[in-house]
Amino acid sequence: MDANALLENFRGYSLSIATHPLTALAEFPDSRTFYSGIGEAGKTTLPAGVRSALYMATCNRIEVYAEFEDGMGDAAAEDALRAISPVFDAMVFKDAHCFQGKAMLEHLIAVASGLKSLALGETQIAGQIKRDMAHAQSAGWLSAGMQTLLKKVLETQKKIRSNTGISENSYSLMTLVDNLIAERGLNPIDDALILIGASEMSAKVARFAMRRGVNKFLLVRKDLARAMNAEMRSLIDSYPQVFSQITQDDFHALRFNFSANAVILASSVSDPLMGAADCERLIAAKVIDTNAAIVDLSLPANAGEDVAERYGRQLISLASLQQLSDAARAERAASAASAAPIIRRAIYQLWLDLLYRENTGVVQSYLNDKSTQSEAEWQRLAAEAALNEKQKRIMYDFIKKEQRRALASHREMILDLIAGSTAERPG
């Protein structure tokens, strides 16, 4: 039995900036909006045929990972996925790249490790996966099998970061922005910044900017009374003297007094929030100058098409970061390659764990045969020694640790018992 046989019910569907045009990703909601919509619509029950589902949206990828019932073909799986949400229907319609079985696990580990990100080795993606796991768990969408798989994914990305060069001088999306600003000779990000949007990305931008010396932010929001991203809210509460807030209407009408080194758009709205006319007014009012960067990290883009036409040198968008990303990836290809054996080992270990889970009787019988004393005998000895409750718990924990150690030490022999001498290792 190989890895694909045990993982064949798992599929991943991916739309990313590396495989699809940015416009293909633009219509999809962020994770918070998606799961909120699911909850408000009362559609948390998965349809027949789907055991588990996890939706993940970042600035450069939209993905869903699902576990299906045994024996479902590709067409049936896609139909079941479509039945969950129109969002998944749109993913299938846009020819999302599909991974199944072992390939799906390889892909997800690579994503979690930052190997598939615009900024190779970025540290934020694992946190985003944990965030979306929490959303899916709240909706009741994570099966035991999917939780086991995701646990292995997060364990493995830590090993990759600890045992390869990927984490050395790791890039982030804002590092790429910073590099492109320097390459174009634009004003560096320091002192003062206009930040449009209060999304999760806005919070990441703000933290990066503060490390670069920014101590004044003008935060532009549609509605100041509306709840914002929790991370952004926490940042403002921690540094209230650093942030000023205005509405989008006040921003467009220039009803504020502020001078900035750059403007960064990082909202989650679907319509452009800034056009060439806005840029012209900001420059004329000396809010920014002709050497200020206009950075659009929103998906969909929040800078209108006319901004690129008239202020192309100043505009830095997700699409314009791709070339820098490719260069960084080429420079650190050796580090990425060194992650491959770690991923292969993780898949092999998960394969063994799944085999044990499906054959618990054989495993327990083997462990009992290898134990010199049964659990009942340990308890009798503890009672005879008149141990107190704390000591009994320590003794019980010791027994369990010994069993786990035996399991780890005799994996190959257990595997032979389960699968026989012709057991096939995962490729």
Protein backbone atom coordinates (compact mmCIF):
# COMPACT_ATOMS: atom_id res chain seq x y z
CA MET A 1 0.00 0.00 0.00
CA ASP A 2 1.61 3.30 -1.06
CA ALA A 3 1.16 6.88 0.13
CA ASN A 4 -1.31 7.76 -2.61
CA ALA A 5 -3.56 4.85 -1.62
CA LEU A 6 -3.90 6.23 1.91
CA LEU A 7 -4.11 9.88 0.83
CA GLU A 8 -6.16 9.51 -2.35
CA ASN A 9 -9.27 11.02 -0.72
CA PHE A 10 -7.45 14.33 -0.19
CA ARG A 11 -7.41 16.94 -2.97
CA GLY A 12 -6.15 20.50 -3.16
CA TYR A 13 -7.28 23.15 -5.66
CA SER A 14 -4.99 26.12 -6.24
CA LEU A 15 -5.15 29.46 -8.03
CA SER A 16 -1.91 31.37 -7.55
CA ILE A 17 -0.05 34.27 -9.09
CA ALA A 18 2.58 31.76 -10.24
CA THR A 19 0.12 29.69 -12.29
CA HIS A 20 -2.76 32.04 -13.15
CA PRO A 21 -3.11 35.71 -14.13
CA LEU A 22 -3.69 38.03 -11.20
CA THR A 23 -7.13 38.90 -12.56
CA ALA A 24 -8.19 35.26 -12.00
CA LEU A 25 -7.69 35.71 -8.25
CA ALA A 26 -9.26 39.14 -7.96
CA GLU A 27 -12.91 38.19 -7.37
CA PHE A 28 -12.36 35.84 -4.42
CA PRO A 29 -13.06 36.93 -0.83
CA ASP A 30 -10.49 36.94 1.93
CA SER A 31 -10.74 34.13 4.47
CA ARG A 32 -12.56 36.12 7.16
CA THR A 33 -15.19 37.32 4.70
CA PHE A 34 -15.65 33.82 3.27
CA TYR A 35 -16.15 32.05 6.59
CA SER A 36 -18.32 34.88 7.94
CA GLY A 37 -20.54 34.54 4.89
CA ILE A 38 -20.77 30.78 5.38
CA GLY A 39 -21.79 31.25 9.00
CA GLU A 40 -24.33 33.98 8.28
CA ALA A 41 -25.92 31.88 5.55
CA GLY A 42 -26.11 28.87 7.86
CA LYS A 43 -24.30 26.67 5.32
CA THR A 44 -21.76 25.07 7.63
CA THR A 45 -22.97 21.51 6.94
CA LEU A 46 -20.82 19.94 4.25
CA PRO A 47 -22.66 18.13 1.43
CA ALA A 48 -22.67 14.37 1.00
CA GLY A 49 -19.33 13.12 -0.22
CA VAL A 50 -17.21 15.79 1.49
CA ARG A 51 -15.64 14.96 4.85
CA SER A 52 -13.57 18.10 5.30
CA ALA A 53 -12.80 21.46 3.65
CA LEU A 54 -10.34 24.27 4.27
CA TYR A 55 -10.43 27.58 2.35
CA MET A 56 -7.29 29.73 2.31
CA ALA A 57 -6.82 33.17 0.75
CA THR A 58 -3.59 35.18 0.78
CA CYS A 59 -2.34 38.12 -1.27
CA ASN A 60 -1.11 35.83 -4.04
CA ARG A 61 -3.06 32.57 -3.81
CA ILE A 62 -6.57 31.20 -3.38
CA GLU A 63 -6.74 27.54 -2.35
CA VAL A 64 -9.11 24.94 -0.97
CA TYR A 65 -8.11 21.59 0.52
CA ALA A 66 -10.76 18.89 0.88
CA GLU A 67 -11.18 15.31 2.00
CA PHE A 68 -13.76 13.30 0.05
CA GLU A 69 -15.50 9.98 0.60
CA ASP A 70 -13.76 6.81 -0.58
CA GLY A 71 -13.62 6.18 -4.29
CA MET A 72 -14.85 9.57 -5.54
CA GLY A 73 -13.63 10.36 -9.05
CA ASP A 74 -12.45 13.79 -10.18
CA ALA A 75 -15.79 14.87 -11.67
CA ALA A 76 -17.81 13.77 -8.63
CA ALA A 77 -15.35 15.50 -6.30
CA GLU A 78 -15.62 18.75 -8.25
CA ASP A 79 -19.43 18.57 -8.20
CA ALA A 80 -19.38 18.01 -4.43
CA LEU A 81 -16.98 20.94 -4.00
CA ARG A 82 -19.21 23.22 -6.07
CA ALA A 83 -22.16 22.37 -3.84
CA ILE A 84 -20.40 23.87 -0.80
CA SER A 85 -20.12 27.45 -2.03
CA PRO A 86 -20.24 29.57 -5.22
CA VAL A 87 -16.66 30.51 -4.34
CA PHE A 88 -15.57 26.91 -4.92
CA ASP A 89 -17.66 26.76 -8.07
CA ALA A 90 -15.72 29.79 -9.38
CA MET A 91 -12.41 28.11 -8.53
CA VAL A 92 -13.30 25.02 -10.55
CA PHE A 93 -14.58 27.22 -13.39
CA LYS A 94 -11.25 29.08 -13.52
CA ASP A 95 -9.37 25.78 -13.89
CA ALA A 96 -7.75 25.74 -10.47
CA HIS A 97 -4.73 23.45 -10.49
CA CYS A 98 -5.67 20.19 -8.74
CA PHE A 99 -3.35 18.12 -6.53
CA GLN A 100 -4.35 14.71 -5.20
CA GLY A 101 -2.91 12.34 -2.64
CA LYS A 102 0.80 12.61 -2.01
CA ALA A 103 1.12 15.51 -4.46
CA MET A 104 -1.43 17.49 -2.46
CA LEU A 105 0.53 16.99 0.76
CA GLU A 106 3.80 17.96 -0.95
CA HIS A 107 2.19 21.12 -2.29
CA LEU A 108 0.65 22.13 1.04
CA ILE A 109 3.94 21.65 2.92
CA ALA A 110 5.71 23.76 0.29
CA VAL A 111 3.04 26.46 0.63
CA ALA A 112 3.27 26.45 4.44
CA SER A 113 7.07 26.71 4.25
CA GLY A 114 6.98 29.76 1.99
CA LEU A 115 8.41 27.83 -0.95
CA LYS A 116 5.48 28.85 -3.16
CA SER A 117 5.22 32.48 -2.02
CA LEU A 118 6.10 35.60 -3.95
CA ALA A 119 8.67 36.18 -1.22
CA LEU A 120 10.49 32.85 -0.94
CA GLY A 121 10.65 31.64 2.64
CA GLU A 122 8.20 34.18 4.03
CA THR A 123 7.15 33.43 7.59
CA GLN A 124 3.54 34.63 7.45
CA ILE A 125 1.94 31.82 5.48
CA ALA A 126 2.04 29.23 8.30
CA GLY A 127 0.20 31.69 10.52
CA GLN A 128 -2.39 32.22 7.81
CA ILE A 129 -2.94 28.45 7.57
CA LYS A 130 -3.45 28.27 11.35
CA ARG A 131 -5.89 31.17 11.11
CA ASP A 132 -7.91 29.45 8.40
CA MET A 133 -7.79 26.14 10.29
CA ALA A 134 -9.44 27.93 13.22
CA HIS A 135 -12.14 29.30 10.89
CA ALA A 136 -12.78 25.87 9.37
CA GLN A 137 -12.78 24.23 12.80
CA SER A 138 -15.42 26.70 14.01
CA ALA A 139 -17.55 25.80 11.00
CA GLY A 140 -17.17 22.09 11.79
CA TRP A 141 -15.33 21.46 8.53
CA LEU A 142 -12.17 19.71 9.76
CA SER A 143 -12.29 15.91 9.99
CA ALA A 144 -9.85 13.94 12.14
CA GLY A 145 -8.01 12.90 8.98
CA MET A 146 -7.61 16.48 7.78
CA GLN A 147 -6.43 17.60 11.22
CA THR A 148 -3.79 14.84 11.21
CA LEU A 149 -2.61 15.93 7.79
CA LEU A 150 -2.48 19.64 8.72
CA LYS A 151 -0.60 18.86 11.92
CA LYS A 152 2.05 17.07 9.88
CA VAL A 153 2.19 20.04 7.48
CA LEU A 154 2.85 22.53 10.27
CA GLU A 155 5.41 20.27 11.96
CA THR A 156 7.28 19.84 8.68
CA GLN A 157 7.39 23.54 7.80
CA LYS A 158 9.10 24.13 11.16
CA LYS A 159 11.71 21.49 10.32
CA ILE A 160 12.29 23.05 6.91
CA ARG A 161 12.83 26.47 8.47
CA SER A 162 15.16 25.00 11.13
CA ASN A 163 17.21 22.73 8.86
CA THR A 164 17.60 24.65 5.60
CA GLY A 165 18.83 28.08 4.61
CA ILE A 166 15.34 29.26 3.73
CA SER A 167 14.92 31.12 7.01
CA GLU A 168 18.25 32.94 6.69
CA ASN A 169 17.60 36.58 5.79
CA SER A 170 14.11 35.48 4.83
CA TYR A 171 12.14 37.67 2.51
CA SER A 172 8.70 39.04 3.17
CA LEU A 173 6.35 40.68 0.72
CA MET A 174 7.28 44.07 2.17
CA THR A 175 10.97 43.24 1.79
CA LEU A 176 10.35 42.84 -1.93
CA VAL A 177 8.49 46.17 -1.93
CA ASP A 178 11.41 47.80 -0.12
CA ASN A 179 13.86 46.37 -2.66
CA LEU A 180 11.83 47.63 -5.60
CA ILE A 181 11.52 51.09 -4.03
CA ALA A 182 15.31 51.25 -3.73
CA GLU A 183 15.79 49.90 -7.27
CA ARG A 184 13.54 52.64 -8.71
CA GLY A 185 15.13 55.38 -6.60
CA LEU A 186 11.88 56.24 -4.82
CA ASN A 187 11.58 57.68 -1.32
CA PRO A 188 12.32 55.03 1.31
CA ILE A 189 9.57 53.95 3.69
CA ASP A 190 10.30 55.97 6.82
CA ASP A 191 8.87 58.71 9.01
CA ALA A 192 5.27 59.00 7.69
CA LEU A 193 2.95 56.73 5.72
CA ILE A 194 -0.60 56.83 4.35
CA LEU A 195 -2.19 53.39 4.76
CA ILE A 196 -5.49 52.74 2.99
CA GLY A 197 -7.46 49.87 4.51
CA ALA A 198 -7.47 48.17 7.91
CA SER A 199 -7.08 44.55 6.77
CA GLU A 200 -4.77 41.81 7.97
CA MET A 201 -2.30 42.91 5.28
CA SER A 202 -2.52 46.49 6.60
CA ALA A 203 -1.38 45.27 10.01
CA LYS A 204 1.59 43.46 8.49
CA VAL A 205 2.50 46.56 6.47
CA ALA A 206 2.27 48.75 9.58
CA ARG A 207 4.52 46.47 11.62
CA PHE A 208 7.11 46.39 8.84
CA ALA A 209 6.96 50.17 8.43
CA MET A 210 7.41 50.76 12.16
CA ARG A 211 10.57 48.65 12.06
CA ARG A 212 11.75 50.93 9.24
CA GLY A 213 11.27 54.02 11.39
CA VAL A 214 7.75 55.13 10.46
CA ASN A 215 6.22 56.87 13.47
CA LYS A 216 3.22 58.56 11.85
CA PHE A 217 0.39 56.77 10.04
CA LEU A 218 -2.69 58.22 8.39
CA LEU A 219 -5.09 55.27 8.29
CA VAL A 220 -7.84 55.67 5.66
CA ARG A 221 -11.02 53.65 6.25
CA LYS A 222 -14.44 53.54 4.65
CA ASP A 223 -16.28 53.76 7.96
CA LEU A 224 -14.52 54.63 11.22
CA ALA A 225 -17.31 53.02 13.25
CA ARG A 226 -16.91 49.68 11.50
CA ALA A 227 -14.96 46.88 13.18
CA MET A 228 -11.48 46.33 11.78
CA ASN A 229 -9.03 43.45 11.63
CA ALA A 230 -8.15 42.33 15.16
CA GLU A 231 -4.38 42.54 14.58
CA MET A 232 -4.73 46.08 13.23
CA ARG A 233 -6.95 47.05 16.17
CA SER A 234 -4.40 45.69 18.64
CA LEU A 235 -1.60 47.64 16.95
CA ILE A 236 -3.54 50.92 17.14
CA ASP A 237 -4.45 50.30 20.78
CA SER A 238 -0.78 49.64 21.59
CA TYR A 239 0.49 52.78 19.76
CA PRO A 240 -2.41 55.28 19.78
CA GLN A 241 -0.08 58.26 19.35
CA VAL A 242 1.24 56.85 16.05
CA PHE A 243 -2.07 56.43 14.19
CA SER A 244 -4.55 59.02 12.92
CA GLN A 245 -7.72 57.85 11.17
CA ILE A 246 -9.88 59.47 8.51
CA THR A 247 -12.65 58.30 6.18
CA GLN A 248 -12.25 57.63 2.47
CA ASP A 249 -14.51 60.61 1.76
CA ASP A 250 -12.22 62.92 3.74
CA PHE A 251 -9.20 61.44 1.98
CA HIS A 252 -10.58 62.05 -1.50
CA ALA A 253 -11.64 65.58 -0.54
CA LEU A 254 -8.22 66.30 1.05
CA ARG A 255 -9.82 67.16 4.38
CA PHE A 256 -6.69 66.37 6.39
CA ASN A 257 -3.24 67.75 7.10
CA PHE A 258 -0.53 65.15 6.54
CA SER A 259 2.69 64.72 4.54
CA ALA A 260 3.84 61.18 3.69
CA ASN A 261 6.78 59.37 2.13
CA ALA A 262 4.52 56.75 0.52
CA VAL A 263 0.94 55.60 0.06
CA ILE A 264 0.13 51.90 0.55
CA LEU A 265 -3.21 50.37 -0.38
CA ALA A 266 -4.01 47.16 1.50
CA SER A 267 -7.77 46.90 1.72
CA SER A 268 -10.09 44.00 0.98
CA VAL A 269 -12.71 45.93 -1.00
CA SER A 270 -13.52 44.94 -4.57
CA ASP A 271 -13.45 48.38 -6.23
CA PRO A 272 -10.50 50.71 -6.89
CA LEU A 273 -10.02 53.24 -4.08
CA MET A 274 -7.48 55.49 -5.75
CA GLY A 275 -7.19 56.79 -9.30
CA ALA A 276 -4.77 58.99 -11.21
CA ALA A 277 -6.82 62.09 -10.30
CA ASP A 278 -6.35 61.27 -6.60
CA CYS A 279 -2.59 60.94 -7.10
CA GLU A 280 -2.51 64.28 -8.92
CA ARG A 281 -4.38 66.03 -6.10
CA LEU A 282 -2.12 64.49 -3.44
CA ILE A 283 0.99 65.69 -5.29
CA ALA A 284 -0.45 69.17 -5.91
CA ALA A 285 -1.32 69.50 -2.21
CA LYS A 286 2.21 68.32 -1.29
CA VAL A 287 0.85 65.36 0.66
CA ILE A 288 3.25 63.22 -1.38
CA ASP A 289 5.83 64.18 -3.98
CA THR A 290 6.68 62.81 -7.43
CA ASN A 291 9.24 60.47 -5.87
CA ALA A 292 6.82 58.83 -3.43
CA ALA A 293 5.96 55.17 -3.86
CA ILE A 294 2.33 54.21 -4.47
CA VAL A 295 2.12 50.58 -3.35
CA ASP A 296 -0.95 48.43 -4.09
CA LEU A 297 -0.99 45.15 -2.17
CA SER A 298 -4.75 44.68 -2.46
CA LEU A 299 -6.42 41.77 -4.18
CA PRO A 300 -8.29 42.81 -6.25
CA ALA A 301 -6.15 45.83 -7.08
CA ASN A 302 -7.25 49.07 -5.43
CA ALA A 303 -5.23 51.38 -7.67
CA GLY A 304 -7.11 52.19 -10.87
CA GLU A 305 -5.65 51.27 -14.26
CA ASP A 306 -4.99 54.96 -14.98
CA VAL A 307 -2.54 55.06 -12.03
CA ALA A 308 -0.26 52.62 -13.86
CA GLU A 309 -0.56 54.65 -17.05
CA ARG A 310 0.32 58.02 -15.50
CA TYR A 311 2.41 57.07 -12.46
CA GLY A 312 3.99 53.82 -13.59
CA ARG A 313 7.42 54.47 -12.05
CA GLN A 314 5.89 55.20 -8.67
CA LEU A 315 3.36 52.35 -8.71
CA ILE A 316 4.39 49.05 -7.15
CA SER A 317 1.77 46.32 -7.45
CA LEU A 318 1.57 42.59 -6.78
CA ALA A 319 2.14 41.96 -10.48
CA SER A 320 5.28 44.13 -10.54
CA LEU A 321 6.75 42.16 -7.64
CA GLN A 322 6.84 38.93 -9.67
CA GLN A 323 10.15 39.71 -11.38
CA LEU A 324 11.88 40.42 -8.07
CA SER A 325 10.36 37.27 -6.63
CA ASP A 326 11.78 35.17 -9.46
CA ALA A 327 15.23 36.65 -8.92
CA ALA A 328 15.12 35.91 -5.20
CA ARG A 329 13.94 32.38 -5.89
CA ALA A 330 16.83 31.73 -8.30
CA GLU A 331 19.38 33.04 -5.80
CA ARG A 332 18.13 30.67 -3.10
CA ALA A 333 17.29 27.63 -5.20
CA ALA A 334 19.72 25.50 -3.20
CA SER A 335 17.87 26.26 0.01
CA ALA A 336 14.56 25.32 -1.58
CA ALA A 337 16.04 22.09 -2.95
CA SER A 338 17.30 21.12 0.50
CA ALA A 339 13.70 21.06 1.71
CA ALA A 340 12.79 18.24 -0.69
CA PRO A 341 14.13 15.32 1.43
CA ILE A 342 12.44 16.77 4.53
CA ILE A 343 9.13 16.79 2.67
CA ARG A 344 9.65 13.22 1.42
CA ARG A 345 10.42 12.06 4.96
CA ALA A 346 7.31 13.78 6.32
CA ILE A 347 5.14 12.01 3.75
CA TYR A 348 6.68 8.66 4.66
CA GLN A 349 6.11 9.28 8.36
CA LEU A 350 2.50 10.28 7.78
CA TRP A 351 2.02 7.17 5.66
CA LEU A 352 3.22 5.01 8.57
CA ASP A 353 1.02 6.90 11.04
CA LEU A 354 -2.04 6.37 8.85
CA LEU A 355 -1.24 2.68 8.54
CA TYR A 356 -1.08 2.41 12.34
CA ARG A 357 -4.38 4.26 12.67
CA GLU A 358 -6.06 1.80 10.32
CA ASN A 359 -4.50 -1.21 12.12
CA THR A 360 -4.63 -0.30 15.80
CA GLY A 361 -5.30 -3.88 16.89
CA VAL A 362 -2.08 -5.17 15.36
CA VAL A 363 -0.07 -2.29 16.81
CA GLN A 364 -1.51 -2.69 20.32
CA SER A 365 -0.96 -6.44 20.23
CA TYR A 366 2.67 -5.91 19.24
CA LEU A 367 3.24 -3.37 22.02
CA ASN A 368 1.66 -5.67 24.59
CA ASP A 369 3.94 -8.51 23.50
CA LYS A 370 6.98 -6.26 23.86
CA SER A 371 6.00 -4.96 27.33
CA THR A 372 7.50 -6.80 30.29
CA GLN A 373 4.54 -5.80 32.47
CA SER A 374 0.95 -4.97 31.64
CA GLU A 375 -0.71 -1.71 32.58
CA ALA A 376 -2.73 -3.58 35.25
CA GLU A 377 0.49 -4.87 36.80
CA TRP A 378 1.92 -1.36 36.88
CA GLN A 379 -1.22 -0.14 38.66
CA ARG A 380 -1.02 -2.99 41.21
CA LEU A 381 2.62 -2.19 41.94
CA ALA A 382 1.74 1.47 42.37
CA ALA A 383 -1.06 0.60 44.79
CA GLU A 384 1.20 -1.73 46.79
CA ALA A 385 3.75 1.03 47.09
CA ALA A 386 0.99 3.31 48.45
CA LEU A 387 1.83 6.02 45.95
CA ASN A 388 -0.11 9.23 46.21
CA GLU A 389 -2.24 10.45 43.30
CA LYS A 390 0.47 12.69 41.88
CA GLN A 391 2.98 9.83 41.92
CA LYS A 392 0.45 7.53 40.25
CA ARG A 393 -0.03 10.08 37.47
CA ILE A 394 3.72 10.30 37.01
CA MET A 395 3.91 6.50 36.83
CA TYR A 396 1.05 6.38 34.30
CA ASP A 397 2.71 9.06 32.15
CA PHE A 398 5.93 7.03 32.28
CA ILE A 399 4.08 3.95 30.99
CA LYS A 400 2.63 5.92 28.08
CA LYS A 401 6.02 7.39 27.22
CA GLU A 402 7.53 3.91 27.20
CA GLN A 403 4.81 2.72 24.83
CA ARG A 404 5.40 5.67 22.52
CA ARG A 405 9.13 4.99 22.62
CA ALA A 406 8.49 1.36 21.70
CA LEU A 407 6.28 2.47 18.84
CA ALA A 408 9.00 4.77 17.52
CA SER A 409 11.73 2.16 17.97
CA HIS A 410 9.91 -0.66 16.24
CA ARG A 411 8.12 1.11 13.40
CA GLU A 412 9.63 -1.03 10.69
CA MET A 413 8.76 -4.29 12.46
CA ILE A 414 5.21 -3.10 13.07
CA LEU A 415 5.00 -2.16 9.42
CA ASP A 416 6.04 -5.68 8.44
CA LEU A 417 3.33 -7.10 10.69
CA ILE A 418 0.70 -4.84 9.12
CA ALA A 419 1.66 -4.98 5.49
CA GLY A 420 3.73 -8.16 5.23
CA SER A 421 7.15 -8.54 3.68
CA THR A 422 5.89 -7.11 0.37
CA ALA A 423 4.93 -3.76 1.88
CA GLU A 424 5.54 -1.04 -0.65
CA ARG A 425 7.17 2.19 0.52
CA PRO A 426 5.79 5.53 -0.75
CA GLY A 427 7.56 6.88 -3.77
